Amino acid sequence: MPSYDDDLPTQQEEYLLKQLVDNIEQQERIQALIELKNLIIGSKRCKIAFYRV
């Protein structure tokens, strides 16, 4: 499957992923995961993917 520029993680997504990996405390990891999930679900590329299906 080809990769497009809009498929690459945004700076905010990269930051949240880094927080998820670097944070040891479970509550901080859960919060980062929730924020990342909401960001991805609300993203234009996710909406387009669901629209095509």
N, C-alpha and C. Protein backbone atom coordinates (compact mmCIF):
# COMPACT_ATOMS: atom_id res chain seq x y z
N MET A 1 0.85 -1.18 0.00
CA MET A 1 0.00 0.00 0.00
C MET A 1 0.89 1.24 0.00
N PRO A 2 0.62 2.17 -0.90
CA PRO A 2 1.48 3.36 -0.98
C PRO A 2 1.33 4.26 0.24
N SER A 3 2.38 4.97 0.51
CA SER A 3 2.36 5.93 1.62
C SER A 3 2.27 7.33 1.03
N TYR A 4 1.39 8.12 1.60
CA TYR A 4 1.21 9.49 1.15
C TYR A 4 1.61 10.43 2.28
N ASP A 5 1.89 11.68 1.93
CA ASP A 5 2.31 12.65 2.95
C ASP A 5 1.28 12.79 4.05
N ASP A 6 -0.02 12.71 3.69
CA ASP A 6 -1.03 12.89 4.73
C ASP A 6 -1.21 11.64 5.59
N ASP A 7 -0.53 10.55 5.22
CA ASP A 7 -0.56 9.34 6.04
C ASP A 7 0.51 9.37 7.14
N LEU A 8 1.46 10.27 7.02
CA LEU A 8 2.52 10.36 8.01
C LEU A 8 1.96 11.00 9.28
N PRO A 9 2.50 10.61 10.44
CA PRO A 9 2.00 11.20 11.69
C PRO A 9 2.26 12.70 11.74
N THR A 10 1.32 13.43 12.30
CA THR A 10 1.51 14.86 12.48
C THR A 10 2.46 15.07 13.66
N GLN A 11 2.91 16.30 13.84
CA GLN A 11 3.80 16.59 14.96
C GLN A 11 3.12 16.28 16.29
N GLN A 12 1.83 16.59 16.38
CA GLN A 12 1.10 16.33 17.63
C GLN A 12 0.98 14.83 17.87
N GLU A 13 0.73 14.05 16.82
CA GLU A 13 0.66 12.60 16.97
C GLU A 13 2.01 12.02 17.39
N GLU A 14 3.08 12.52 16.78
CA GLU A 14 4.42 12.05 17.15
C GLU A 14 4.72 12.37 18.61
N TYR A 15 4.34 13.57 19.05
CA TYR A 15 4.56 13.97 20.44
C TYR A 15 3.81 13.04 21.39
N LEU A 16 2.55 12.75 21.07
CA LEU A 16 1.76 11.87 21.94
C LEU A 16 2.32 10.45 21.95
N LEU A 17 2.79 9.98 20.80
CA LEU A 17 3.41 8.65 20.76
C LEU A 17 4.67 8.61 21.60
N LYS A 18 5.47 9.69 21.53
CA LYS A 18 6.68 9.76 22.34
C LYS A 18 6.33 9.77 23.83
N GLN A 19 5.28 10.51 24.20
CA GLN A 19 4.82 10.53 25.59
C GLN A 19 4.39 9.14 26.02
N LEU A 20 3.71 8.44 25.15
CA LEU A 20 3.21 7.11 25.46
C LEU A 20 4.37 6.16 25.74
N VAL A 21 5.42 6.26 24.96
CA VAL A 21 6.57 5.37 25.11
C VAL A 21 7.43 5.77 26.30
N ASP A 22 7.64 7.07 26.48
CA ASP A 22 8.57 7.55 27.50
C ASP A 22 8.01 7.57 28.92
N ASN A 23 6.71 7.75 29.07
CA ASN A 23 6.12 7.85 30.40
C ASN A 23 6.02 6.49 31.06
N ILE A 24 6.48 6.43 32.28
CA ILE A 24 6.45 5.19 33.04
C ILE A 24 5.14 5.09 33.82
N GLU A 25 4.64 6.21 34.28
CA GLU A 25 3.44 6.20 35.10
C GLU A 25 2.23 5.81 34.24
N GLN A 26 1.47 4.85 34.74
CA GLN A 26 0.35 4.30 33.98
C GLN A 26 -0.70 5.36 33.64
N GLN A 27 -1.02 6.22 34.57
CA GLN A 27 -2.06 7.24 34.33
C GLN A 27 -1.65 8.17 33.19
N GLU A 28 -0.38 8.56 33.13
CA GLU A 28 0.10 9.43 32.06
C GLU A 28 0.04 8.72 30.72
N ARG A 29 0.36 7.44 30.71
CA ARG A 29 0.29 6.65 29.47
C ARG A 29 -1.14 6.53 28.99
N ILE A 30 -2.06 6.30 29.91
CA ILE A 30 -3.47 6.18 29.55
C ILE A 30 -3.97 7.50 28.98
N GLN A 31 -3.60 8.62 29.60
CA GLN A 31 -4.04 9.93 29.11
C GLN A 31 -3.49 10.20 27.71
N ALA A 32 -2.21 9.88 27.47
CA ALA A 32 -1.62 10.08 26.15
C ALA A 32 -2.32 9.20 25.11
N LEU A 33 -2.65 7.98 25.48
CA LEU A 33 -3.34 7.07 24.57
C LEU A 33 -4.74 7.60 24.22
N ILE A 34 -5.45 8.11 25.20
CA ILE A 34 -6.79 8.68 24.97
C ILE A 34 -6.70 9.88 24.02
N GLU A 35 -5.74 10.76 24.27
CA GLU A 35 -5.58 11.94 23.41
C GLU A 35 -5.23 11.53 21.99
N LEU A 36 -4.35 10.55 21.84
CA LEU A 36 -3.95 10.08 20.52
C LEU A 36 -5.13 9.45 19.79
N LYS A 37 -5.91 8.65 20.49
CA LYS A 37 -7.09 8.02 19.90
C LYS A 37 -8.06 9.08 19.40
N ASN A 38 -8.34 10.08 20.22
CA ASN A 38 -9.27 11.14 19.83
C ASN A 38 -8.74 11.94 18.65
N LEU A 39 -7.44 12.17 18.62
CA LEU A 39 -6.83 12.92 17.54
C LEU A 39 -6.94 12.15 16.22
N ILE A 40 -6.67 10.86 16.27
CA ILE A 40 -6.72 10.05 15.06
C ILE A 40 -8.16 9.89 14.57
N ILE A 41 -9.09 9.62 15.46
CA ILE A 41 -10.48 9.44 15.07
C ILE A 41 -11.05 10.74 14.47
N GLY A 42 -10.62 11.86 14.99
CA GLY A 42 -11.10 13.14 14.49
C GLY A 42 -10.37 13.65 13.26
N SER A 43 -9.33 12.95 12.82
CA SER A 43 -8.52 13.43 11.71
C SER A 43 -9.24 13.27 10.38
N LYS A 44 -8.86 14.10 9.45
CA LYS A 44 -9.46 14.08 8.12
C LYS A 44 -9.20 12.75 7.44
N ARG A 45 -7.99 12.21 7.56
CA ARG A 45 -7.68 10.96 6.87
C ARG A 45 -8.49 9.80 7.40
N CYS A 46 -8.80 9.80 8.69
CA CYS A 46 -9.62 8.74 9.27
C CYS A 46 -11.06 8.85 8.75
N LYS A 47 -11.58 10.06 8.71
CA LYS A 47 -12.94 10.26 8.21
C LYS A 47 -13.05 9.86 6.75
N ILE A 48 -12.04 10.17 5.96
CA ILE A 48 -12.04 9.80 4.55
C ILE A 48 -12.00 8.28 4.41
N ALA A 49 -11.20 7.61 5.22
CA ALA A 49 -11.12 6.15 5.16
C ALA A 49 -12.46 5.51 5.49
N PHE A 50 -13.14 6.01 6.51
CA PHE A 50 -14.45 5.46 6.86
C PHE A 50 -15.49 5.78 5.79
N TYR A 51 -15.38 6.94 5.16
CA TYR A 51 -16.32 7.34 4.12
C TYR A 51 -16.20 6.41 2.92
N ARG A 52 -14.97 6.01 2.59
CA ARG A 52 -14.74 5.14 1.43
C ARG A 52 -15.23 3.73 1.66
N VAL A 53 -15.29 3.30 2.91
CA VAL A 53 -15.75 1.94 3.22
C VAL A 53 -17.23 1.95 3.22
